[in-house]
Protein backbone atom coordinates (compact mmCIF):
# COMPACT_ATOMS: atom_id res chain seq x y z
CA MET A 1 24.19 -5.60 -2.55
CA GLN A 2 24.44 -3.68 1.00
CA CYS A 3 21.61 -3.97 3.58
CA HIS A 4 20.48 -1.84 6.52
CA ARG A 5 18.99 -3.10 9.74
CA ALA A 6 15.49 -2.23 10.77
CA GLY A 7 16.73 -1.85 14.16
CA ALA A 8 18.65 -3.36 17.11
CA GLU A 9 20.94 -6.15 16.60
CA GLY A 10 19.48 -9.08 15.62
CA GLU A 11 16.32 -7.54 14.07
CA GLU A 12 15.69 -8.56 10.36
CA MET A 13 17.65 -7.08 7.76
CA THR A 14 15.91 -4.46 5.05
CA LYS A 15 16.89 -3.67 1.77
CA PRO A 16 17.83 -0.04 0.97
CA PRO A 17 14.68 1.87 -0.47
CA ASN A 18 14.47 1.91 -4.41
CA ILE A 19 13.58 5.62 -4.90
CA LYS A 20 13.35 4.85 -8.83
CA ALA A 21 10.99 1.95 -8.41
CA ASP A 22 8.94 3.85 -5.93
CA VAL A 23 8.81 6.88 -8.16
CA GLU A 24 7.84 4.40 -11.02
CA SER A 25 4.86 2.77 -9.22
CA TRP A 26 3.36 6.19 -7.95
CA ILE A 27 3.55 7.54 -11.70
CA ALA A 28 1.87 4.70 -12.78
CA SER A 29 -0.91 4.65 -10.10
CA GLU A 30 -1.30 8.64 -11.20
CA SER A 31 -1.92 7.06 -14.67
CA THR A 32 -4.58 4.92 -13.61
CA ASP A 33 -6.08 7.23 -11.88
CA LYS A 34 -6.33 9.63 -14.42
CA VAL A 35 -7.72 6.99 -17.08
CA ALA A 36 -10.32 5.77 -14.29
CA ASP A 37 -11.24 9.53 -13.83
CA TYR A 38 -11.61 10.04 -17.97
CA ALA A 39 -13.83 6.81 -17.89
CA SER A 40 -16.31 7.96 -15.28
CA ARG A 41 -16.62 11.49 -17.36
CA GLY A 42 -17.93 9.26 -19.91
CA ARG A 43 -15.07 8.64 -22.45
CA LYS A 44 -15.67 11.87 -24.57
CA HIS A 45 -13.22 10.75 -27.16
CA GLN A 46 -14.49 7.28 -27.86
CA ASN A 47 -16.15 7.41 -31.06
CA LEU A 48 -13.38 9.27 -32.71
CA SER A 49 -11.60 6.60 -35.33
CA ASP A 50 -7.81 5.34 -34.28
CA LEU A 51 -6.42 7.87 -36.96
CA ASP A 52 -8.74 10.62 -35.74
CA LEU A 53 -7.39 10.03 -32.24
CA VAL A 54 -3.70 9.85 -33.41
CA THR A 55 -4.29 13.37 -35.36
CA ALA A 56 -5.99 14.64 -31.79
CA TRP A 57 -3.69 13.67 -29.47
CA GLN A 58 -0.62 14.97 -32.06
CA THR A 59 -1.99 18.41 -31.79
CA ALA A 60 -2.74 18.47 -28.09
CA PHE A 61 0.46 17.41 -27.46
CA LYS A 62 2.07 19.87 -29.48
CA ARG A 63 -0.11 22.54 -27.66
CA MET A 64 0.91 21.08 -24.43
CA ALA A 65 4.65 21.59 -25.23
CA ASP A 66 4.02 25.17 -26.26
CA ASP A 67 2.73 25.64 -22.52
CA VAL A 68 4.26 23.01 -20.30
CA ARG A 69 2.52 25.48 -17.29
CA ASP A 70 -1.05 25.13 -18.55
CA TYR A 71 -2.77 22.42 -16.66
CA ASP A 72 -5.78 22.65 -18.98
CA ARG A 73 -3.60 21.69 -22.01
CA ARG A 74 -2.21 18.63 -20.23
CA ALA A 75 -5.69 17.70 -19.11
CA VAL A 76 -6.62 17.62 -22.65
CA GLU A 77 -3.83 15.49 -23.66
CA GLU A 78 -4.14 13.29 -20.78
CA ASP A 79 -8.02 12.83 -21.93
CA TYR A 80 -6.42 11.60 -25.36
CA LYS A 81 -3.93 9.58 -23.90
CA SER A 82 -6.64 7.92 -21.71
CA GLU A 83 -8.68 7.00 -24.71
CA PHE A 84 -5.48 5.19 -26.03
CA ILE A 85 -4.74 3.19 -22.85
CA LEU A 86 -8.56 2.16 -22.79
CA ARG A 87 -8.40 0.71 -26.59
CA LYS A 88 -5.32 -0.96 -25.34
CA ILE A 89 -3.20 0.95 -27.95
CA GLU A 90 -0.17 2.67 -27.22
CA PRO A 91 0.25 6.55 -28.19
CA PRO A 92 2.44 6.58 -31.27
CA TYR A 93 5.23 8.49 -29.61
CA ALA A 94 7.66 8.15 -32.32
CA SER A 95 5.33 10.55 -34.24
CA ILE A 96 6.12 13.40 -31.96
CA HIS A 97 9.58 12.82 -30.97
CA ASP A 98 10.57 16.65 -31.15
CA GLU A 99 7.51 17.76 -29.66
CA LEU A 100 8.79 15.48 -26.86
CA GLU A 101 12.14 16.32 -26.65
CA ARG A 102 10.62 20.37 -26.91
CA TYR A 103 8.39 19.35 -23.81
CA PHE A 104 11.33 18.07 -21.81
CA ASP A 105 13.31 20.87 -22.75
CA GLU A 106 10.54 23.39 -21.40
CA THR A 107 9.78 21.31 -18.42
CA ASP A 108 13.25 21.77 -17.37
CA ARG A 109 13.41 25.51 -18.33
CA ALA A 110 10.56 26.27 -16.55
CA ILE A 111 11.78 24.34 -13.34
CA ARG A 112 14.98 26.04 -13.59
CA GLN A 113 13.20 29.52 -14.29
CA LEU A 114 10.85 28.84 -11.22
CA GLN A 115 13.79 27.80 -8.95
CA THR A 116 15.42 31.19 -9.98
CA ASP A 117 12.22 33.38 -9.74
CA ASP A 118 10.57 31.66 -6.83
CA PRO A 119 12.94 29.39 -4.82
CA LYS A 120 10.63 29.37 -1.72
CA GLY A 121 7.71 28.04 -4.49
CA TYR A 122 10.41 25.64 -6.09
CA GLU A 123 10.84 24.55 -2.08
CA LYS A 124 7.41 24.00 -1.71
CA MET A 125 6.95 22.12 -4.97
CA GLY A 126 9.69 19.63 -3.74
CA ARG A 127 8.30 19.22 -0.36
CA THR A 128 4.68 18.68 -2.15
CA ILE A 129 6.22 15.83 -4.25
CA SER A 130 7.91 14.20 -1.25
CA THR A 131 5.16 14.36 0.55
CA ASP A 132 2.81 13.04 -1.95
CA LEU A 133 4.90 10.47 -2.83
CA GLU A 134 5.59 9.36 0.88
CA ALA A 135 1.64 9.22 1.06
CA PHE A 136 1.41 6.82 -1.92
CA LYS A 137 3.94 4.67 -0.08
CA LEU A 138 2.23 4.66 2.51
CA SER A 139 -1.09 3.70 1.16
CA ARG A 140 0.56 1.30 -1.09
CA ASP A 141 2.31 -0.31 1.57
CA LYS A 142 -0.57 -0.61 3.96
CA SER A 143 -2.75 -2.37 1.13
CA LYS A 144 -0.05 -5.13 0.92
CA ASN A 145 -0.33 -6.21 4.30
């Protein structure tokens, strides 16, 4: 493994940044925040049976894949997913394989379209993501000390 110097000769050696681990950690933190937000709003789906929760989540996911830019649809799906997490049940992703693929394809298409139609907006989105990731890393690293 290649290491990089932290500074001048003789200073402590540091590992190169692990971007993938940072992004995965950031996503996990965001997910935890969404679950906490859902719980703080009263767990609106807590009275659904497990079967009804699965059906509602599948429907919400399909709707979200229909329009990946619609943040309200994303919020609905997130609430159902949060209920699964609070029940300590994994959402049945295998049951929505086609919709999941469609969601990824539509997300890629929307990003490419933004890049073509609004290059400045695309650049701004990239800067926002970078800024948010850096803020997360600073907060996370500060809490470790």
